[in-house]
Amino acid sequence: MSVVSSDVFGTLPDGRLVRRFTLRSDSVRLSVLSFGGIITSLETRDRHGELADIVLGFDHLQGYINKHPYFGAVVGRVANRIAEGKFSIDEKEYQLPINNGPNSLHGGLKGFDKMLWTSEILSNGVRLSMTSADGEEGYPGELKVWVTYSLDGAVLAINYKAQTTKTTPVNLTNHSYFNLAGHGCPNIYDHEVSIEAENYLPVDKTSIPTGEIASVENTNFDLRNPVVLGDHIANKLAGGFDHNFCLNFSKQRSPCARVYHRPSGRLLEIETTQPGVQFYTANFLDGSLKGKEGAIYPKHSAFCLETQNWPDAVNKANFPDALLRPGEEYDHTTWFKFSVLEQL
């Protein structure tokens, strides 16, 4: 049984109100904004029953209005990178704004993370909806989008639906930054991570996949068995992860990833219908942002597991289909299960 409440979180410069929705169960408490669908806080218990907020973010709305690394937000119309911001549909080329080196990232200059969504409270969560206009950020078709956050005990489910008037690429995810020790802890080096992927996508120097679907066997990307992040990054992958791992193509609910924080006992298990997950170890955080309660967020102080289609799939014929067509419905769900393991 979950309880849902709401209050006003702040006011946008144009006077529109931003609401905060708080979902509570016996073991989890999280808050979501109508601005950007942003998860601002997510509290879970450790093995001693103590609550801690395990996602990075800001205390006030202005932090989210300002430029920031998509803390907690719904990203779209297309999450991740599109090479040179270009793609073609039916022999027509589209050019998107360039906002990440030579590429387009996370929907462009004003993605879904900067939109005010319409909200509807549900018995165990909140449904957010918005309409992205035909041509917005260079994308074809009017796109109607619904994102539903629901809390059932210790499981947070995020469902994404979309419908379009013209064929368009769509790839939606949530960009929460987790630290299972609690936001504001200096690093994630004591976290143990495993990902249910036999393949990953090598990338070029601008983080665009080369097109190769590479086996993780005998590579530093083999996370099928748990690795301790500190040791792995220090000894095998200088800089950290920012890579797509290839999950199964079934579109059924399937295991994705598992993260364990041994000192606190917190365990995060993720399942998804998506064919990929971008594992990112916050390599570009640099301590310059002032987070909640004055916290500083340096490099490697969080991780993201962004379930989604593969990066630049709209330009790669051998990647999962990235296009949504009129009459079809985009429909994907990701589940986050929070639990505690006793000391092993």
C-alpha atoms as a PDB file:
ATOM      1  CA  MET A   1       0.000   0.000   0.000  1.00  0.00           C
ATOM      2  CA  SER A   2       1.369   3.393  -1.003  1.00  0.00           C
ATOM      3  CA  VAL A   3       0.276   6.868  -0.021  1.00  0.00           C
ATOM      4  CA  VAL A   4       0.508   9.750  -2.487  1.00  0.00           C
ATOM      5  CA  SER A   5       0.522  13.442  -1.546  1.00  0.00           C
ATOM      6  CA  SER A   6       1.440  16.666  -3.322  1.00  0.00           C
ATOM      7  CA  ASP A   7       2.577  20.203  -2.621  1.00  0.00           C
ATOM      8  CA  VAL A   8       4.018  23.172  -4.508  1.00  0.00           C
ATOM      9  CA  PHE A   9       7.775  22.886  -5.065  1.00  0.00           C
ATOM     10  CA  GLY A  10       8.318  26.241  -6.763  1.00  0.00           C
ATOM     11  CA  THR A  11       7.354  28.650  -9.518  1.00  0.00           C
ATOM     12  CA  LEU A  12       8.814  28.877 -13.016  1.00  0.00           C
ATOM     13  CA  PRO A  13       9.957  32.280 -14.322  1.00  0.00           C
ATOM     14  CA  ASP A  14       6.710  32.553 -16.333  1.00  0.00           C
ATOM     15  CA  GLY A  15       4.623  32.093 -13.184  1.00  0.00           C
ATOM     16  CA  ARG A  16       3.534  28.483 -13.684  1.00  0.00           C
ATOM     17  CA  LEU A  17       3.550  26.329 -10.551  1.00  0.00           C
ATOM     18  CA  VAL A  18       5.675  23.211 -10.248  1.00  0.00           C
ATOM     19  CA  ARG A  19       4.147  20.510  -8.098  1.00  0.00           C
ATOM     20  CA  ARG A  20       5.964  17.858  -6.098  1.00  0.00           C
ATOM     21  CA  PHE A  21       4.384  14.433  -5.667  1.00  0.00           C
ATOM     22  CA  THR A  22       5.526  12.277  -2.770  1.00  0.00           C
ATOM     23  CA  LEU A  23       4.997   8.510  -2.897  1.00  0.00           C
ATOM     24  CA  ARG A  24       5.372   6.586   0.373  1.00  0.00           C
ATOM     25  CA  SER A  25       5.381   2.907   1.260  1.00  0.00           C
ATOM     26  CA  ASP A  26       6.675   1.167   4.372  1.00  0.00           C
ATOM     27  CA  SER A  27      10.184   0.967   2.938  1.00  0.00           C
ATOM     28  CA  VAL A  28      10.524   3.645   0.242  1.00  0.00           C
ATOM     29  CA  ARG A  29       9.729   7.341  -0.040  1.00  0.00           C
ATOM     30  CA  LEU A  30      10.288   9.312  -3.219  1.00  0.00           C
ATOM     31  CA  SER A  31       9.392  12.704  -4.625  1.00  0.00           C
ATOM     32  CA  VAL A  32       8.741  13.522  -8.294  1.00  0.00           C
ATOM     33  CA  LEU A  33       8.256  16.945  -9.897  1.00  0.00           C
ATOM     34  CA  SER A  34       5.818  17.986 -12.605  1.00  0.00           C
ATOM     35  CA  PHE A  35       8.828  19.824 -14.092  1.00  0.00           C
ATOM     36  CA  GLY A  36      10.879  17.372 -16.144  1.00  0.00           C
ATOM     37  CA  GLY A  37       9.382  14.375 -14.370  1.00  0.00           C
ATOM     38  CA  ILE A  38      12.360  14.785 -12.047  1.00  0.00           C
ATOM     39  CA  ILE A  39      12.915  12.421  -9.119  1.00  0.00           C
ATOM     40  CA  THR A  40      14.216  14.870  -6.503  1.00  0.00           C
ATOM     41  CA  SER A  41      14.616  12.416  -3.631  1.00  0.00           C
ATOM     42  CA  LEU A  42      14.432   8.681  -3.039  1.00  0.00           C
ATOM     43  CA  GLU A  43      14.786   7.422   0.502  1.00  0.00           C
ATOM     44  CA  THR A  44      15.378   3.770   1.394  1.00  0.00           C
ATOM     45  CA  ARG A  45      16.448   1.994   4.579  1.00  0.00           C
ATOM     46  CA  ASP A  46      19.800   0.412   5.375  1.00  0.00           C
ATOM     47  CA  ARG A  47      20.245  -2.820   7.349  1.00  0.00           C
ATOM     48  CA  HIS A  48      19.772  -0.866  10.591  1.00  0.00           C
ATOM     49  CA  GLY A  49      16.483   0.606   9.420  1.00  0.00           C
ATOM     50  CA  GLU A  50      17.915   4.079   8.888  1.00  0.00           C
ATOM     51  CA  LEU A  51      16.615   6.092   5.940  1.00  0.00           C
ATOM     52  CA  ALA A  52      18.946   7.833   3.489  1.00  0.00           C
ATOM     53  CA  ASP A  53      18.281   9.774   0.294  1.00  0.00           C
ATOM     54  CA  ILE A  54      20.114   7.820  -2.418  1.00  0.00           C
ATOM     55  CA  VAL A  55      19.723  10.137  -5.445  1.00  0.00           C
ATOM     56  CA  LEU A  56      21.568  13.334  -6.316  1.00  0.00           C
ATOM     57  CA  GLY A  57      19.662  16.570  -6.783  1.00  0.00           C
ATOM     58  CA  PHE A  58      18.890  20.075  -5.572  1.00  0.00           C
ATOM     59  CA  ASP A  59      16.904  21.559  -2.699  1.00  0.00           C
ATOM     60  CA  HIS A  60      15.213  24.198  -4.833  1.00  0.00           C
ATOM     61  CA  LEU A  61      13.614  24.479  -8.280  1.00  0.00           C
ATOM     62  CA  GLN A  62      16.221  26.918  -9.578  1.00  0.00           C
ATOM     63  CA  GLY A  63      18.852  24.179  -9.507  1.00  0.00           C
ATOM     64  CA  TYR A  64      16.767  22.175 -11.970  1.00  0.00           C
ATOM     65  CA  ILE A  65      15.937  25.207 -14.136  1.00  0.00           C
ATOM     66  CA  ASN A  66      19.649  25.964 -14.470  1.00  0.00           C
ATOM     67  CA  LYS A  67      21.884  23.829 -16.670  1.00  0.00           C
ATOM     68  CA  HIS A  68      22.626  20.587 -14.841  1.00  0.00           C
ATOM     69  CA  PRO A  69      23.507  16.977 -15.796  1.00  0.00           C
ATOM     70  CA  TYR A  70      19.876  15.797 -16.042  1.00  0.00           C
ATOM     71  CA  PHE A  71      19.634  14.862 -12.339  1.00  0.00           C
ATOM     72  CA  GLY A  72      16.609  12.608 -11.905  1.00  0.00           C
ATOM     73  CA  ALA A  73      14.897  13.743 -15.108  1.00  0.00           C
ATOM     74  CA  VAL A  74      12.884  12.133 -17.869  1.00  0.00           C
ATOM     75  CA  VAL A  75      14.996  12.589 -20.998  1.00  0.00           C
ATOM     76  CA  GLY A  76      13.629  12.636 -24.556  1.00  0.00           C
ATOM     77  CA  ARG A  77      12.432  12.827 -27.279  1.00  0.00           C
ATOM     78  CA  VAL A  78      15.542  10.687 -27.790  1.00  0.00           C
ATOM     79  CA  ALA A  79      17.739   9.800 -24.838  1.00  0.00           C
ATOM     80  CA  ASN A  80      21.479   9.445 -25.416  1.00  0.00           C
ATOM     81  CA  ARG A  81      23.411  10.577 -28.489  1.00  0.00           C
ATOM     82  CA  ILE A  82      22.550  10.940 -32.158  1.00  0.00           C
ATOM     83  CA  ALA A  83      25.643  11.287 -34.347  1.00  0.00           C
ATOM     84  CA  GLU A  84      26.034  14.842 -35.674  1.00  0.00           C
ATOM     85  CA  GLY A  85      22.364  15.385 -34.765  1.00  0.00           C
ATOM     86  CA  LYS A  86      21.316  13.915 -38.121  1.00  0.00           C
ATOM     87  CA  PHE A  87      19.013  11.137 -39.252  1.00  0.00           C
ATOM     88  CA  SER A  88      16.874  10.336 -42.280  1.00  0.00           C
ATOM     89  CA  ILE A  89      13.322   8.986 -42.529  1.00  0.00           C
ATOM     90  CA  ASP A  90      11.857   8.092 -45.930  1.00  0.00           C
ATOM     91  CA  GLU A  91      14.819   9.814 -47.623  1.00  0.00           C
ATOM     92  CA  LYS A  92      14.205  13.097 -45.788  1.00  0.00           C
ATOM     93  CA  GLU A  93      17.091  14.285 -43.611  1.00  0.00           C
ATOM     94  CA  TYR A  94      16.478  15.924 -40.259  1.00  0.00           C
ATOM     95  CA  GLN A  95      18.979  18.136 -38.433  1.00  0.00           C
ATOM     96  CA  LEU A  96      18.769  18.463 -34.642  1.00  0.00           C
ATOM     97  CA  PRO A  97      20.472  21.021 -32.396  1.00  0.00           C
ATOM     98  CA  ILE A  98      24.050  20.073 -31.474  1.00  0.00           C
ATOM     99  CA  ASN A  99      24.608  20.159 -27.711  1.00  0.00           C
ATOM    100  CA  ASN A 100      27.262  17.538 -26.893  1.00  0.00           C
ATOM    101  CA  GLY A 101      30.491  17.917 -28.843  1.00  0.00           C
ATOM    102  CA  PRO A 102      29.484  17.276 -32.481  1.00  0.00           C
ATOM    103  CA  ASN A 103      26.352  15.345 -31.471  1.00  0.00           C
ATOM    104  CA  SER A 104      22.797  15.794 -30.205  1.00  0.00           C
ATOM    105  CA  LEU A 105      22.209  14.528 -26.661  1.00  0.00           C
ATOM    106  CA  HIS A 106      19.053  13.790 -24.655  1.00  0.00           C
ATOM    107  CA  GLY A 107      16.554  15.527 -26.929  1.00  0.00           C
ATOM    108  CA  GLY A 108      18.420  18.743 -27.690  1.00  0.00           C
ATOM    109  CA  LEU A 109      18.612  22.227 -26.214  1.00  0.00           C
ATOM    110  CA  LYS A 110      15.213  21.979 -24.504  1.00  0.00           C
ATOM    111  CA  GLY A 111      14.387  18.351 -23.972  1.00  0.00           C
ATOM    112  CA  PHE A 112      11.619  16.767 -21.944  1.00  0.00           C
ATOM    113  CA  ASP A 113      13.666  17.426 -18.785  1.00  0.00           C
ATOM    114  CA  LYS A 114      12.853  21.158 -19.151  1.00  0.00           C
ATOM    115  CA  MET A 115       9.112  20.752 -19.779  1.00  0.00           C
ATOM    116  CA  LEU A 116       6.242  21.319 -17.363  1.00  0.00           C
ATOM    117  CA  TRP A 117       4.119  18.192 -17.476  1.00  0.00           C
ATOM    118  CA  THR A 118       0.410  17.811 -16.734  1.00  0.00           C
ATOM    119  CA  SER A 119      -0.123  15.603 -13.680  1.00  0.00           C
ATOM    120  CA  GLU A 120      -2.719  13.156 -12.423  1.00  0.00           C
ATOM    121  CA  ILE A 121      -2.519  11.513  -8.999  1.00  0.00           C
ATOM    122  CA  LEU A 122      -3.152   7.746  -8.999  1.00  0.00           C
ATOM    123  CA  SER A 123      -3.834   5.398  -6.095  1.00  0.00           C
ATOM    124  CA  ASN A 124      -0.171   4.348  -5.897  1.00  0.00           C
ATOM    125  CA  GLY A 125       1.630   7.008  -7.914  1.00  0.00           C
ATOM    126  CA  VAL A 126       1.403   9.812 -10.413  1.00  0.00           C
ATOM    127  CA  ARG A 127       0.916   9.979 -14.182  1.00  0.00           C
ATOM    128  CA  LEU A 128       2.598  12.821 -16.063  1.00  0.00           C
ATOM    129  CA  SER A 129       1.709  13.781 -19.625  1.00  0.00           C
ATOM    130  CA  MET A 130       2.801  16.284 -22.236  1.00  0.00           C
ATOM    131  CA  THR A 131       2.680  16.947 -25.963  1.00  0.00           C
ATOM    132  CA  SER A 132       5.830  17.649 -27.960  1.00  0.00           C
ATOM    133  CA  ALA A 133       4.985  19.731 -31.039  1.00  0.00           C
ATOM    134  CA  ASP A 134       5.753  18.672 -34.600  1.00  0.00           C
ATOM    135  CA  GLY A 135       9.216  20.058 -35.365  1.00  0.00           C
ATOM    136  CA  GLU A 136      10.155  20.687 -31.737  1.00  0.00           C
ATOM    137  CA  GLU A 137      13.951  20.405 -31.385  1.00  0.00           C
ATOM    138  CA  GLY A 138      13.960  19.312 -35.039  1.00  0.00           C
ATOM    139  CA  TYR A 139      11.967  16.107 -34.576  1.00  0.00           C
ATOM    140  CA  PRO A 140       9.079  15.203 -36.901  1.00  0.00           C
ATOM    141  CA  GLY A 141       5.555  14.580 -35.666  1.00  0.00           C
ATOM    142  CA  GLU A 142       3.449  15.709 -32.746  1.00  0.00           C
ATOM    143  CA  LEU A 143       4.313  13.306 -29.946  1.00  0.00           C
ATOM    144  CA  LYS A 144       2.018  12.651 -26.992  1.00  0.00           C
ATOM    145  CA  VAL A 145       3.890  11.238 -24.014  1.00  0.00           C
ATOM    146  CA  TRP A 146       2.779   9.672 -20.735  1.00  0.00           C
ATOM    147  CA  VAL A 147       5.160   8.744 -17.907  1.00  0.00           C
ATOM    148  CA  THR A 148       3.749   6.934 -14.878  1.00  0.00           C
ATOM    149  CA  TYR A 149       5.579   6.524 -11.575  1.00  0.00           C
ATOM    150  CA  SER A 150       4.052   3.877  -9.310  1.00  0.00           C
ATOM    151  CA  LEU A 151       5.266   2.533  -5.975  1.00  0.00           C
ATOM    152  CA  ASP A 152       4.280  -0.949  -4.852  1.00  0.00           C
ATOM    153  CA  GLY A 153       5.997  -1.800  -1.583  1.00  0.00           C
ATOM    154  CA  ALA A 154       9.715  -1.715  -2.293  1.00  0.00           C
ATOM    155  CA  VAL A 155       9.356  -1.581  -6.091  1.00  0.00           C
ATOM    156  CA  LEU A 156       9.279   1.635  -8.107  1.00  0.00           C
ATOM    157  CA  ALA A 157       7.943   1.150 -11.633  1.00  0.00           C
ATOM    158  CA  ILE A 158       8.342   3.796 -14.350  1.00  0.00           C
ATOM    159  CA  ASN A 159       6.209   3.278 -17.447  1.00  0.00           C
ATOM    160  CA  TYR A 160       6.669   5.295 -20.629  1.00  0.00           C
ATOM    161  CA  LYS A 161       4.080   5.537 -23.393  1.00  0.00           C
ATOM    162  CA  ALA A 162       4.066   7.673 -26.551  1.00  0.00           C
ATOM    163  CA  GLN A 163       2.049   8.147 -29.750  1.00  0.00           C
ATOM    164  CA  THR A 164       3.006  10.170 -32.828  1.00  0.00           C
ATOM    165  CA  THR A 165       1.406  11.775 -35.880  1.00  0.00           C
ATOM    166  CA  LYS A 166       4.522  11.223 -38.051  1.00  0.00           C
ATOM    167  CA  THR A 167       7.268   8.608 -38.020  1.00  0.00           C
ATOM    168  CA  THR A 168       9.863   9.760 -35.482  1.00  0.00           C
ATOM    169  CA  PRO A 169      12.640   8.340 -33.327  1.00  0.00           C
ATOM    170  CA  VAL A 170      11.643   7.929 -29.662  1.00  0.00           C
ATOM    171  CA  ASN A 171      13.805   6.774 -26.755  1.00  0.00           C
ATOM    172  CA  LEU A 172      12.725   7.642 -23.213  1.00  0.00           C
ATOM    173  CA  THR A 173      14.480   7.007 -19.906  1.00  0.00           C
ATOM    174  CA  ASN A 174      15.028   8.377 -16.422  1.00  0.00           C
ATOM    175  CA  HIS A 175      18.413   9.891 -15.613  1.00  0.00           C
ATOM    176  CA  SER A 176      18.599   9.449 -11.844  1.00  0.00           C
ATOM    177  CA  TYR A 177      22.058   9.487 -10.294  1.00  0.00           C
ATOM    178  CA  PHE A 178      22.291   6.926  -7.474  1.00  0.00           C
ATOM    179  CA  ASN A 179      24.634   6.540  -4.540  1.00  0.00           C
ATOM    180  CA  LEU A 180      23.453   3.728  -2.269  1.00  0.00           C
ATOM    181  CA  ALA A 181      25.527   5.110   0.610  1.00  0.00           C
ATOM    182  CA  GLY A 182      23.456   8.296   0.385  1.00  0.00           C
ATOM    183  CA  HIS A 183      23.742  11.350  -1.858  1.00  0.00           C
ATOM    184  CA  GLY A 184      26.692  13.504  -0.869  1.00  0.00           C
ATOM    185  CA  CYS A 185      28.958  10.549  -0.129  1.00  0.00           C
ATOM    186  CA  PRO A 186      32.185  11.182  -2.028  1.00  0.00           C
ATOM    187  CA  ASN A 187      32.292   8.165  -4.350  1.00  0.00           C
ATOM    188  CA  ILE A 188      30.750   4.856  -5.405  1.00  0.00           C
ATOM    189  CA  TYR A 189      33.948   2.832  -5.241  1.00  0.00           C
ATOM    190  CA  ASP A 190      32.516   0.472  -2.601  1.00  0.00           C
ATOM    191  CA  HIS A 191      29.502  -0.438  -4.778  1.00  0.00           C
ATOM    192  CA  GLU A 192      29.334  -3.898  -6.389  1.00  0.00           C
ATOM    193  CA  VAL A 193      27.712  -3.914  -9.843  1.00  0.00           C
ATOM    194  CA  SER A 194      26.582  -6.621 -12.216  1.00  0.00           C
ATOM    195  CA  ILE A 195      24.776  -6.231 -15.556  1.00  0.00           C
ATOM    196  CA  GLU A 196      22.941  -9.008 -17.413  1.00  0.00           C
ATOM    197  CA  ALA A 197      24.611  -8.389 -20.762  1.00  0.00           C
ATOM    198  CA  GLU A 198      26.688 -10.602 -23.013  1.00  0.00           C
ATOM    199  CA  ASN A 199      27.445  -7.724 -25.399  1.00  0.00           C
ATOM    200  CA  TYR A 200      28.245  -4.013 -25.244  1.00  0.00           C
ATOM    201  CA  LEU A 201      28.721  -1.215 -27.755  1.00  0.00           C
ATOM    202  CA  PRO A 202      32.246   0.130 -28.356  1.00  0.00           C
ATOM    203  CA  VAL A 203      32.241   3.889 -29.001  1.00  0.00           C
ATOM    204  CA  ASP A 204      34.344   6.447 -30.847  1.00  0.00           C
ATOM    205  CA  LYS A 205      36.021   9.437 -29.238  1.00  0.00           C
ATOM    206  CA  THR A 206      32.722  11.363 -29.201  1.00  0.00           C
ATOM    207  CA  SER A 207      30.882   8.466 -27.472  1.00  0.00           C
ATOM    208  CA  ILE A 208      28.975   7.406 -30.599  1.00  0.00           C
ATOM    209  CA  PRO A 209      28.769   3.616 -31.075  1.00  0.00           C
ATOM    210  CA  THR A 210      30.991   2.367 -33.886  1.00  0.00           C
ATOM    211  CA  GLY A 211      28.274  -0.051 -35.012  1.00  0.00           C
ATOM    212  CA  GLU A 212      30.054  -3.120 -33.665  1.00  0.00           C
ATOM    213  CA  ILE A 213      28.145  -5.286 -31.191  1.00  0.00           C
ATOM    214  CA  ALA A 214      31.022  -6.659 -29.144  1.00  0.00           C
ATOM    215  CA  SER A 215      31.115  -9.586 -26.763  1.00  0.00           C
ATOM    216  CA  VAL A 216      31.960  -8.723 -23.157  1.00  0.00           C
ATOM    217  CA  GLU A 217      33.889 -12.019 -22.886  1.00  0.00           C
ATOM    218  CA  ASN A 218      37.497 -11.396 -21.799  1.00  0.00           C
ATOM    219  CA  THR A 219      36.991  -7.614 -21.716  1.00  0.00           C
ATOM    220  CA  ASN A 220      36.759  -4.990 -19.006  1.00  0.00           C
ATOM    221  CA  PHE A 221      33.047  -4.749 -19.819  1.00  0.00           C
ATOM    222  CA  ASP A 222      32.195  -8.216 -18.543  1.00  0.00           C
ATOM    223  CA  LEU A 223      29.931  -7.386 -15.623  1.00  0.00           C
ATOM    224  CA  ARG A 224      27.945 -10.615 -15.656  1.00  0.00           C
ATOM    225  CA  ASN A 225      29.478 -11.346 -12.270  1.00  0.00           C
ATOM    226  CA  PRO A 226      29.680  -8.537  -9.682  1.00  0.00           C
ATOM    227  CA  VAL A 227      32.685  -6.206  -9.732  1.00  0.00           C
ATOM    228  CA  VAL A 228      33.699  -3.693  -7.082  1.00  0.00           C
ATOM    229  CA  LEU A 229      33.655  -0.368  -8.903  1.00  0.00           C
ATOM    230  CA  GLY A 230      36.678   1.192  -7.221  1.00  0.00           C
ATOM    231  CA  ASP A 231      39.002  -1.669  -8.092  1.00  0.00           C
ATOM    232  CA  HIS A 232      37.540  -2.056 -11.573  1.00  0.00           C
ATOM    233  CA  ILE A 233      37.814   1.622 -12.510  1.00  0.00           C
ATOM    234  CA  ALA A 234      41.286   1.993 -11.010  1.00  0.00           C
ATOM    235  CA  ASN A 235      42.740  -1.126 -12.599  1.00  0.00           C
ATOM    236  CA  LYS A 236      40.728  -1.852 -15.722  1.00  0.00           C
ATOM    237  CA  LEU A 237      38.787   1.145 -16.977  1.00  0.00           C
ATOM    238  CA  ALA A 238      40.462   4.468 -16.306  1.00  0.00           C
ATOM    239  CA  GLY A 239      37.882   7.245 -16.337  1.00  0.00           C
ATOM    240  CA  GLY A 240      34.874   5.032 -15.698  1.00  0.00           C
ATOM    241  CA  PHE A 241      31.875   3.735 -17.604  1.00  0.00           C
ATOM    242  CA  ASP A 242      29.688   5.574 -20.104  1.00  0.00           C
ATOM    243  CA  HIS A 243      28.638   2.653 -22.270  1.00  0.00           C
ATOM    244  CA  ASN A 244      25.560   0.853 -23.519  1.00  0.00           C
ATOM    245  CA  PHE A 245      25.129  -2.759 -22.494  1.00  0.00           C
ATOM    246  CA  CYS A 246      22.961  -4.902 -24.755  1.00  0.00           C
ATOM    247  CA  LEU A 247      20.074  -6.662 -23.056  1.00  0.00           C
ATOM    248  CA  ASN A 248      17.666  -9.117 -24.640  1.00  0.00           C
ATOM    249  CA  PHE A 249      15.290  -8.095 -27.430  1.00  0.00           C
ATOM    250  CA  SER A 250      12.170  -9.798 -26.085  1.00  0.00           C
ATOM    251  CA  LYS A 251      10.381  -6.625 -24.901  1.00  0.00           C
ATOM    252  CA  GLN A 252       9.392  -8.711 -21.878  1.00  0.00           C
ATOM    253  CA  ARG A 253      10.245  -7.883 -18.281  1.00  0.00           C
ATOM    254  CA  SER A 254      13.815  -9.135 -17.920  1.00  0.00           C
ATOM    255  CA  PRO A 255      16.692  -8.774 -15.424  1.00  0.00           C
ATOM    256  CA  CYS A 256      18.968  -5.838 -16.201  1.00  0.00           C
ATOM    257  CA  ALA A 257      21.330  -4.920 -13.378  1.00  0.00           C
ATOM    258  CA  ARG A 258      22.103  -5.377  -9.695  1.00  0.00           C
ATOM    259  CA  VAL A 259      23.985  -2.959  -7.419  1.00  0.00           C
ATOM    260  CA  TYR A 260      24.951  -3.825  -3.849  1.00  0.00           C
ATOM    261  CA  HIS A 261      26.425  -1.491  -1.234  1.00  0.00           C
ATOM    262  CA  ARG A 262      27.948  -3.798   1.325  1.00  0.00           C
ATOM    263  CA  PRO A 263      28.555  -1.240   4.137  1.00  0.00           C
ATOM    264  CA  SER A 264      24.864  -0.237   4.314  1.00  0.00           C
ATOM    265  CA  GLY A 265      23.324  -3.455   3.011  1.00  0.00           C
ATOM    266  CA  ARG A 266      21.314  -1.591   0.364  1.00  0.00           C
ATOM    267  CA  LEU A 267      20.571  -3.590  -2.771  1.00  0.00           C
ATOM    268  CA  LEU A 268      19.122  -2.204  -6.013  1.00  0.00           C
ATOM    269  CA  GLU A 269      17.826  -4.637  -8.623  1.00  0.00           C
ATOM    270  CA  ILE A 270      16.588  -3.378 -11.997  1.00  0.00           C
ATOM    271  CA  GLU A 271      14.349  -5.091 -14.526  1.00  0.00           C
ATOM    272  CA  THR A 272      13.201  -3.634 -17.828  1.00  0.00           C
ATOM    273  CA  THR A 273      11.488  -4.219 -21.166  1.00  0.00           C
ATOM    274  CA  GLN A 274      14.142  -2.135 -22.935  1.00  0.00           C
ATOM    275  CA  PRO A 275      16.899  -3.653 -25.125  1.00  0.00           C
ATOM    276  CA  GLY A 276      19.739  -1.698 -23.514  1.00  0.00           C
ATOM    277  CA  VAL A 277      21.060   0.098 -20.475  1.00  0.00           C
ATOM    278  CA  GLN A 278      23.552   2.963 -20.424  1.00  0.00           C
ATOM    279  CA  PHE A 279      25.839   2.482 -17.429  1.00  0.00           C
ATOM    280  CA  TYR A 280      27.407   5.799 -16.459  1.00  0.00           C
ATOM    281  CA  THR A 281      29.645   6.415 -13.462  1.00  0.00           C
ATOM    282  CA  ALA A 282      29.287  10.214 -13.332  1.00  0.00           C
ATOM    283  CA  ASN A 283      32.642  10.786 -15.005  1.00  0.00           C
ATOM    284  CA  PHE A 284      31.814  14.425 -15.801  1.00  0.00           C
ATOM    285  CA  LEU A 285      30.724  15.564 -12.349  1.00  0.00           C
ATOM    286  CA  ASP A 286      33.431  17.842 -10.991  1.00  0.00           C
ATOM    287  CA  GLY A 287      32.216  19.118  -7.620  1.00  0.00           C
ATOM    288  CA  SER A 288      31.105  22.478  -8.992  1.00  0.00           C
ATOM    289  CA  LEU A 289      27.373  21.943  -8.357  1.00  0.00           C
ATOM    290  CA  LYS A 290      25.928  22.574  -4.915  1.00  0.00           C
ATOM    291  CA  GLY A 291      23.460  19.802  -4.245  1.00  0.00           C
ATOM    292  CA  LYS A 292      20.912  19.028  -1.563  1.00  0.00           C
ATOM    293  CA  GLU A 293      21.847  20.144   1.942  1.00  0.00           C
ATOM    294  CA  GLY A 294      24.983  21.795   0.517  1.00  0.00           C
ATOM    295  CA  ALA A 295      26.395  18.501  -0.732  1.00  0.00           C
ATOM    296  CA  ILE A 296      29.225  18.492  -3.245  1.00  0.00           C
ATOM    297  CA  TYR A 297      29.049  15.977  -6.093  1.00  0.00           C
ATOM    298  CA  PRO A 298      32.535  15.120  -7.420  1.00  0.00           C
ATOM    299  CA  LYS A 299      33.533  12.725 -10.181  1.00  0.00           C
ATOM    300  CA  HIS A 300      32.367   9.139  -9.552  1.00  0.00           C
ATOM    301  CA  SER A 301      30.047  10.179  -6.713  1.00  0.00           C
ATOM    302  CA  ALA A 302      27.072   8.447  -8.357  1.00  0.00           C
ATOM    303  CA  PHE A 303      26.048   5.978 -11.029  1.00  0.00           C
ATOM    304  CA  CYS A 304      23.262   5.939 -13.606  1.00  0.00           C
ATOM    305  CA  LEU A 305      21.617   2.879 -15.105  1.00  0.00           C
ATOM    306  CA  GLU A 306      19.544   4.382 -17.915  1.00  0.00           C
ATOM    307  CA  THR A 307      17.360   1.697 -19.478  1.00  0.00           C
ATOM    308  CA  GLN A 308      16.749   2.607 -23.118  1.00  0.00           C
ATOM    309  CA  ASN A 309      17.258   1.755 -26.760  1.00  0.00           C
ATOM    310  CA  TRP A 310      20.831   1.747 -28.019  1.00  0.00           C
ATOM    311  CA  PRO A 311      22.572   5.089 -28.712  1.00  0.00           C
ATOM    312  CA  ASP A 312      22.367   6.369 -32.298  1.00  0.00           C
ATOM    313  CA  ALA A 313      20.052   3.460 -33.168  1.00  0.00           C
ATOM    314  CA  VAL A 314      18.225   5.692 -35.651  1.00  0.00           C
ATOM    315  CA  ASN A 315      21.400   5.658 -37.778  1.00  0.00           C
ATOM    316  CA  LYS A 316      22.391   2.003 -37.291  1.00  0.00           C
ATOM    317  CA  ALA A 317      20.458  -0.586 -39.296  1.00  0.00           C
ATOM    318  CA  ASN A 318      21.788  -3.444 -37.138  1.00  0.00           C
ATOM    319  CA  PHE A 319      20.538  -1.855 -33.887  1.00  0.00           C
ATOM    320  CA  PRO A 320      16.988  -2.224 -32.480  1.00  0.00           C
ATOM    321  CA  ASP A 321      14.412  -0.168 -34.375  1.00  0.00           C
ATOM    322  CA  ALA A 322      14.259   3.357 -32.942  1.00  0.00           C
ATOM    323  CA  LEU A 323      11.276   4.600 -34.962  1.00  0.00           C
ATOM    324  CA  LEU A 324       7.698   5.050 -33.753  1.00  0.00           C
ATOM    325  CA  ARG A 325       5.095   5.195 -36.501  1.00  0.00           C
ATOM    326  CA  PRO A 326       1.572   6.620 -36.563  1.00  0.00           C
ATOM    327  CA  GLY A 327      -0.900   4.101 -35.160  1.00  0.00           C
ATOM    328  CA  GLU A 328       1.754   2.445 -32.985  1.00  0.00           C
ATOM    329  CA  GLU A 329       2.326   2.953 -29.269  1.00  0.00           C
ATOM    330  CA  TYR A 330       5.708   3.209 -27.604  1.00  0.00           C
ATOM    331  CA  ASP A 331       5.355   1.303 -24.317  1.00  0.00           C
ATOM    332  CA  HIS A 332       8.256   0.417 -22.021  1.00  0.00           C
ATOM    333  CA  THR A 333       8.593  -0.117 -18.281  1.00  0.00           C
ATOM    334  CA  THR A 334      11.532  -0.262 -15.884  1.00  0.00           C
ATOM    335  CA  TRP A 335      11.304  -1.622 -12.337  1.00  0.00           C
ATOM    336  CA  PHE A 336      13.619  -0.632  -9.471  1.00  0.00           C
ATOM    337  CA  LYS A 337      13.501  -2.982  -6.482  1.00  0.00           C
ATOM    338  CA  PHE A 338      15.048  -1.764  -3.229  1.00  0.00           C
ATOM    339  CA  SER A 339      15.966  -4.187  -0.475  1.00  0.00           C
ATOM    340  CA  VAL A 340      18.537  -4.877   2.238  1.00  0.00           C
ATOM    341  CA  LEU A 341      20.956  -7.759   2.640  1.00  0.00           C
ATOM    342  CA  GLU A 342      22.167  -8.691   6.060  1.00  0.00           C
ATOM    343  CA  GLN A 343      25.946  -8.686   6.512  1.00  0.00           C
ATOM    344  CA  LEU A 344      27.469 -11.489   4.485  1.00  0.00           C
END
